[in-house]
């Protein structure tokens, strides 16, 4: 073999080895043997600041692909069109949503896929799109921004309503109300002693009423016995009057004989005895009526008999 042919073989060997080395490096950099991928479109209505080409696409935190293309939507400049390359077999369906996530304070963003389950319907490619479209969902920063904006709007509206409520007229009314409450409190404090005295007096009245009620049966019994005694006395006096009347008739002859003194006795004493008998009978009836009234209304002992109704014109 000539030296010239040896140089050719050595060069050829080095070339083959270099190509193999470059191929190995490329093979390792792509993650091993080629895999099957699927393409999806995502339209983001928010800013994708921090998202770059080849940014990772994750499904529940697992790397399943990369961002192949980022551009504005030619049909709607308010949206950003993302082309995702996702590993085949990733459970992407009609309920899957794409969210832009920012990693910490670095500002580097990635696309996070989530949602859907084994029973969710398949994602179908629209007729006017080259690839299936995954619906987007606002990122955490956008949701926080919307929430804070809504909160600030509510605070501004509430502040405006409070300012409208606390105008000069309402402030004066509130001040007057507070003053009236203070006056009422002071007056109530002044009247507290009187109220306490009234409560004490009412308690004494209740105790007296209870004591009078407890003694009422005894009093009624005494009144009934008194009425019976008066009736007996009246009957006795009536019998005495009858006897005296008979004696007066018997003594009529004696009166005419005895003189002026016996005539005066029969003319004055006998009528007075009749009057006394009538009064005793009336007293007995009154006592009996009083006993019956007390049995029907014991409060008459404390408050007296009820007042008669007013007559016409009174």
Protein backbone atom coordinates (compact mmCIF):
# COMPACT_ATOMS: atom_id res chain seq x y z
CA UNK A 1 0.00 0.00 0.00
CA UNK A 2 1.37 3.37 -0.99
CA UNK A 3 1.56 6.24 1.52
CA UNK A 4 -0.92 8.17 -0.57
CA UNK A 5 -3.62 5.53 -0.21
CA UNK A 6 -2.97 5.35 3.53
CA UNK A 7 -3.68 9.06 3.88
CA UNK A 8 -6.97 8.59 2.04
CA UNK A 9 -8.08 5.79 4.35
CA UNK A 10 -7.11 7.77 7.42
CA UNK A 11 -9.03 10.83 6.18
CA UNK A 12 -12.05 8.69 5.36
CA UNK A 13 -11.95 7.13 8.82
CA UNK A 14 -11.75 10.54 10.51
CA UNK A 15 -14.66 11.83 8.41
CA UNK A 16 -16.86 8.83 9.29
CA UNK A 17 -15.96 9.17 12.96
CA UNK A 18 -16.80 12.91 12.92
CA UNK A 19 -20.17 12.30 11.30
CA UNK A 20 -20.96 9.59 13.86
CA UNK A 21 -19.92 11.89 16.70
CA UNK A 22 -22.11 14.72 15.41
CA UNK A 23 -25.04 12.34 14.95
CA UNK A 24 -24.63 11.04 18.49
CA UNK A 25 -24.62 14.54 19.90
CA UNK A 26 -27.75 15.42 17.94
CA UNK A 27 -29.41 12.20 19.05
CA UNK A 28 -28.65 12.89 22.69
CA UNK A 29 -29.76 16.53 22.42
CA UNK A 30 -33.15 15.52 21.02
CA UNK A 31 -33.77 13.09 23.89
CA UNK A 32 -33.04 9.80 22.15
CA UNK A 33 -34.75 8.19 19.21
CA UNK A 34 -37.40 10.19 17.36
CA UNK A 35 -40.87 10.22 18.84
CA UNK A 36 -44.34 10.91 17.46
CA UNK A 37 -45.76 14.38 18.21
CA UNK A 38 -49.07 16.11 17.57
CA UNK A 39 -49.66 19.78 16.79
CA UNK A 40 -52.20 21.98 18.59
CA UNK A 41 -53.16 25.64 18.38
CA UNK A 42 -53.86 27.92 21.34
CA UNK A 43 -55.20 31.49 21.12
CA UNK A 44 -54.20 33.61 24.11
CA UNK A 45 -56.20 36.82 24.70
CA UNK A 46 -53.56 38.09 27.15
CA UNK A 47 -49.92 39.09 26.98
CA UNK A 48 -47.43 36.20 26.61
CA UNK A 49 -44.49 38.19 27.97
CA UNK A 50 -41.79 35.77 29.17
CA UNK A 51 -42.83 32.99 26.78
CA UNK A 52 -40.24 32.11 24.13
CA UNK A 53 -39.81 29.57 21.35
CA UNK A 54 -39.10 26.05 22.60
CA UNK A 55 -40.63 26.97 25.96
CA UNK A 56 -41.83 23.81 27.70
CA UNK A 57 -45.40 22.60 27.48
CA UNK A 58 -46.44 20.77 30.64
CA UNK A 59 -49.40 18.58 31.52
CA UNK A 60 -49.96 18.73 35.29
CA UNK A 61 -46.30 19.60 35.77
CA UNK A 62 -44.88 16.95 33.37
CA UNK A 63 -43.01 18.05 30.22
CA UNK A 64 -45.00 16.81 27.24
CA UNK A 65 -43.88 19.17 24.47
CA UNK A 66 -42.65 22.58 23.42
CA UNK A 67 -43.85 25.82 21.90
CA UNK A 68 -43.01 25.71 18.17
CA UNK A 69 -44.34 29.09 17.02
CA UNK A 70 -45.52 32.40 18.57
CA UNK A 71 -47.25 35.07 16.51
CA UNK A 72 -50.25 37.39 16.50
CA UNK A 73 -53.55 36.02 15.27
CA UNK A 74 -54.01 37.43 11.76
CA UNK A 75 -57.79 37.37 12.20
CA UNK A 76 -57.74 39.09 15.62
CA UNK A 77 -54.68 41.12 16.61
CA UNK A 78 -55.89 41.13 20.25
CA UNK A 79 -54.95 37.44 20.49
CA UNK A 80 -51.61 35.59 20.35
CA UNK A 81 -51.45 32.40 18.29
CA UNK A 82 -49.34 29.61 19.81
CA UNK A 83 -48.38 26.43 17.96
CA UNK A 84 -47.71 23.60 20.41
CA UNK A 85 -45.89 20.35 19.69
CA UNK A 86 -47.21 17.80 22.18
CA UNK A 87 -46.09 14.22 22.68
CA UNK A 88 -48.52 11.72 21.22
CA UNK A 89 -50.57 9.97 23.89
CA UNK A 90 -50.95 13.06 26.06
CA UNK A 91 -54.60 13.10 27.28
CA UNK A 92 -55.68 16.22 25.42
CA UNK A 93 -59.46 16.41 24.89
CA UNK A 94 -62.29 18.93 24.48
CA UNK A 95 -62.17 19.87 28.19
CA UNK A 96 -58.41 20.50 28.28
CA UNK A 97 -57.41 24.12 28.93
CA UNK A 98 -54.10 25.89 28.30
CA UNK A 99 -52.82 28.39 30.88
CA UNK A 100 -49.79 30.66 30.78
CA UNK A 101 -47.69 30.21 33.93
CA UNK A 102 -44.78 32.39 35.04
CA UNK A 103 -41.97 30.75 37.01
CA UNK A 104 -41.30 32.73 40.19
CA UNK A 105 -39.51 36.08 39.91
CA UNK A 106 -37.52 35.20 36.77
CA UNK A 107 -40.40 36.01 34.45
CA UNK A 108 -39.82 32.83 32.38
CA UNK A 109 -43.17 31.43 31.25
CA UNK A 110 -44.44 28.08 30.04
CA UNK A 111 -47.75 26.63 28.88
CA UNK A 112 -49.61 24.42 31.36
CA UNK A 113 -52.29 21.97 30.15
CA UNK A 114 -54.93 20.74 32.56
CA UNK A 115 -58.50 19.50 32.78
CA UNK A 116 -60.47 16.74 31.22
CA UNK A 117 -60.69 13.05 32.07
CA UNK A 118 -61.01 9.61 30.50
CA UNK A 119 -64.71 10.17 29.77
CA UNK A 120 -64.25 13.59 28.19
CA UNK A 121 -65.03 13.95 24.46
CA UNK A 122 -62.20 14.03 21.94
CA UNK A 123 -60.81 17.31 20.63
CA UNK A 124 -61.97 17.79 17.04
CA UNK A 125 -60.12 19.94 14.49
CA UNK A 126 -62.18 22.89 13.21
CA UNK A 127 -62.70 23.13 9.48
CA UNK A 128 -60.97 26.54 9.23
CA UNK A 129 -57.88 25.54 11.25
CA UNK A 130 -54.94 23.31 10.27
CA UNK A 131 -54.72 21.77 13.75
CA UNK A 132 -57.04 21.18 16.73
CA UNK A 133 -57.52 24.24 18.96
CA UNK A 134 -57.08 24.00 22.73
CA UNK A 135 -59.14 26.59 24.61
CA UNK A 136 -57.16 28.97 26.80
CA UNK A 137 -57.82 30.05 30.38
CA UNK A 138 -56.68 33.29 32.03
CA UNK A 139 -53.43 33.02 33.94
CA UNK A 140 -53.12 33.57 37.67
CA UNK A 141 -51.79 37.09 37.18
CA UNK A 142 -54.72 37.99 34.93
CA UNK A 143 -57.22 36.55 37.41
CA UNK A 144 -55.57 38.48 40.24
CA UNK A 145 -55.59 41.63 38.16
CA UNK A 146 -59.28 41.20 37.34
CA UNK A 147 -60.10 40.51 40.99
CA UNK A 148 -58.13 43.51 42.23
CA UNK A 149 -59.69 45.74 39.58
CA UNK A 150 -63.18 44.57 40.54
CA UNK A 151 -62.36 45.08 44.22
CA UNK A 152 -61.09 48.59 43.58
CA UNK A 153 -64.19 49.36 41.54
CA UNK A 154 -66.41 48.14 44.40
CA UNK A 155 -64.41 50.21 46.89
CA UNK A 156 -64.75 53.31 44.75
CA UNK A 157 -68.50 52.74 44.35
CA UNK A 158 -68.89 52.10 48.09
CA UNK A 159 -66.92 55.23 48.91
CA UNK A 160 -69.11 57.26 46.59
CA UNK A 161 -72.27 55.89 48.22
CA UNK A 162 -70.91 56.60 51.71
CA UNK A 163 -70.06 60.16 50.70
CA UNK A 164 -73.54 60.58 49.27
CA UNK A 165 -75.07 59.16 52.45
CA UNK A 166 -73.02 61.35 54.78
CA UNK A 167 -74.00 64.65 53.26
CA UNK A 168 -74.51 67.74 55.37
CA UNK A 169 -78.23 67.14 55.94
CA UNK A 170 -77.76 63.51 57.00
CA UNK A 171 -74.84 64.43 59.25
CA UNK A 172 -77.03 66.99 61.02
CA UNK A 173 -79.80 64.39 61.38
CA UNK A 174 -77.36 61.86 62.83
CA UNK A 175 -76.01 64.47 65.26
CA UNK A 176 -79.56 65.34 66.37
CA UNK A 177 -80.38 61.67 66.83
CA UNK A 178 -77.29 61.14 68.98
CA UNK A 179 -78.22 64.21 71.04
CA UNK A 180 -81.77 62.89 71.52
CA UNK A 181 -80.43 59.52 72.62
CA UNK A 182 -78.14 61.20 75.14
CA UNK A 183 -81.02 63.29 76.48
CA UNK A 184 -83.25 60.23 76.73
CA UNK A 185 -80.51 58.32 78.56
CA UNK A 186 -80.00 61.17 81.03
CA UNK A 187 -83.75 61.47 81.64
CA UNK A 188 -84.04 57.74 82.15
CA UNK A 189 -81.20 57.90 84.67
CA UNK A 190 -83.02 60.68 86.54
CA UNK A 191 -86.26 58.72 86.58
CA UNK A 192 -84.61 55.49 87.71
CA UNK A 193 -84.96 56.45 91.38
CA UNK A 194 -88.67 57.17 90.91
CA UNK A 195 -89.15 53.91 89.07
CA UNK A 196 -87.41 52.05 91.89
CA UNK A 197 -89.66 53.76 94.46
CA UNK A 198 -92.75 52.91 92.39
CA UNK A 199 -91.69 49.29 92.14
CA UNK A 200 -91.19 49.18 95.94
CA UNK A 201 -94.64 50.67 96.53
CA UNK A 202 -96.25 48.26 94.12
CA UNK A 203 -94.54 45.41 95.92
CA UNK A 204 -95.95 46.67 99.24
CA UNK A 205 -99.44 46.96 97.69
CA UNK A 206 -99.21 43.41 96.39
CA UNK A 207 -98.15 42.16 99.83
CA UNK A 208 -101.02 44.06 101.50
CA UNK A 209 -103.47 42.69 98.97
CA UNK A 210 -102.21 39.16 99.61
CA UNK A 211 -102.54 39.65 103.38
CA UNK A 212 -106.06 41.09 102.97
CA UNK A 213 -107.02 38.22 100.70
CA UNK A 214 -105.79 35.70 103.26
CA UNK A 215 -107.88 37.41 106.02
CA UNK A 216 -110.94 37.81 103.80
CA UNK A 217 -112.60 34.48 104.75
CA UNK A 218 -112.25 35.31 108.45
CA UNK A 219 -113.69 38.78 107.90
CA UNK A 220 -116.59 37.41 105.89
CA UNK A 221 -117.32 34.93 108.66
CA UNK A 222 -117.34 37.73 111.23
CA UNK A 223 -119.69 39.81 109.07
CA UNK A 224 -122.06 36.85 108.67
CA UNK A 225 -122.06 36.22 112.42
CA UNK A 226 -122.70 39.93 113.07
CA UNK A 227 -125.60 39.96 110.60
CA UNK A 228 -127.07 36.87 112.25
CA UNK A 229 -126.71 38.47 115.69
CA UNK A 230 -128.41 41.65 114.47
CA UNK A 231 -131.25 39.60 112.98
CA UNK A 232 -131.70 37.74 116.26
CA UNK A 233 -131.65 41.02 118.15
CA UNK A 234 -134.23 42.49 115.77
CA UNK A 235 -136.51 39.48 116.20
CA UNK A 236 -136.12 39.69 119.98
CA UNK A 237 -136.92 43.40 119.93
CA UNK A 238 -139.90 42.72 117.68
CA UNK A 239 -141.21 40.17 120.13
CA UNK A 240 -140.52 42.64 122.95
CA UNK A 241 -142.45 45.30 121.06
CA UNK A 242 -145.38 42.91 120.64
CA UNK A 243 -145.32 42.13 124.29
CA UNK A 244 -145.07 45.81 125.09
CA UNK A 245 -147.93 46.55 122.73
CA UNK A 246 -150.07 43.93 124.45
CA UNK A 247 -148.99 45.24 127.78
CA UNK A 248 -149.88 48.72 126.60
CA UNK A 249 -153.38 47.62 125.69
CA UNK A 250 -153.71 45.87 129.03
CA UNK A 251 -152.41 48.88 130.79
CA UNK A 252 -154.59 51.29 128.87
CA UNK A 253 -157.08 51.19 131.57
CA UNK A 254 -154.34 51.59 134.09
CA UNK A 255 -153.02 54.60 132.16
CA UNK A 256 -156.31 56.33 132.42
CA UNK A 257 -156.28 55.62 136.11
CA UNK A 258 -152.57 56.10 136.83
CA UNK A 259 -152.40 59.52 135.47
CA UNK A 260 -150.33 61.65 133.16
CA UNK A 261 -146.95 59.71 133.59
CA UNK A 262 -148.23 56.41 132.26
CA UNK A 263 -149.87 58.23 129.34
CA UNK A 264 -146.52 59.83 128.40
CA UNK A 265 -144.77 56.38 128.54
CA UNK A 266 -147.17 54.75 126.13
CA UNK A 267 -147.18 57.77 123.79
CA UNK A 268 -143.35 58.28 123.55
CA UNK A 269 -141.48 55.06 124.46
CA UNK A 270 -143.46 52.58 122.41
CA UNK A 271 -143.00 54.46 119.03
CA UNK A 272 -139.24 54.80 119.70
CA UNK A 273 -138.98 51.07 120.36
CA UNK A 274 -140.68 50.38 117.01
CA UNK A 275 -138.26 52.72 115.24
CA UNK A 276 -135.28 50.95 116.90
CA UNK A 277 -136.53 47.59 115.69
CA UNK A 278 -136.83 48.90 112.09
CA UNK A 279 -133.29 50.33 112.18
CA UNK A 280 -131.85 47.06 113.51
CA UNK A 281 -133.51 45.15 110.69
CA UNK A 282 -132.13 47.63 108.10
CA UNK A 283 -128.63 47.31 109.61
CA UNK A 284 -128.79 43.52 109.39
CA UNK A 285 -129.81 43.71 105.71
CA UNK A 286 -126.95 46.14 104.94
CA UNK A 287 -124.40 43.85 106.64
CA UNK A 288 -125.66 40.89 104.63
CA UNK A 289 -125.43 42.85 101.32
CA UNK A 290 -121.86 43.96 102.22
CA UNK A 291 -120.86 40.35 102.93
CA UNK A 292 -122.25 39.22 99.55
CA UNK A 293 -120.43 42.10 97.74
CA UNK A 294 -117.08 41.18 99.37
CA UNK A 295 -117.53 37.56 98.37
CA UNK A 296 -118.01 38.65 94.73
CA UNK A 297 -115.23 41.33 94.67
CA UNK A 298 -112.68 41.22 97.56
CA UNK A 299 -110.78 44.23 96.07
CA UNK A 300 -113.50 46.52 97.50
CA UNK A 301 -111.62 46.35 100.82
CA UNK A 302 -108.63 48.16 99.20
CA UNK A 303 -110.13 50.28 96.44
CA UNK A 304 -113.73 50.86 97.67
CA UNK A 305 -116.97 50.30 95.76
CA UNK A 306 -116.94 50.95 91.99
CA UNK A 307 -117.89 54.41 90.86
CA UNK A 308 -121.38 54.74 89.31
CA UNK A 309 -121.43 55.46 85.55
CA UNK A 310 -121.74 59.17 84.70
CA UNK A 311 -125.20 60.41 83.93
CA UNK A 312 -126.23 62.30 80.81
CA UNK A 313 -124.26 65.51 80.36
CA UNK A 314 -121.69 64.69 83.08
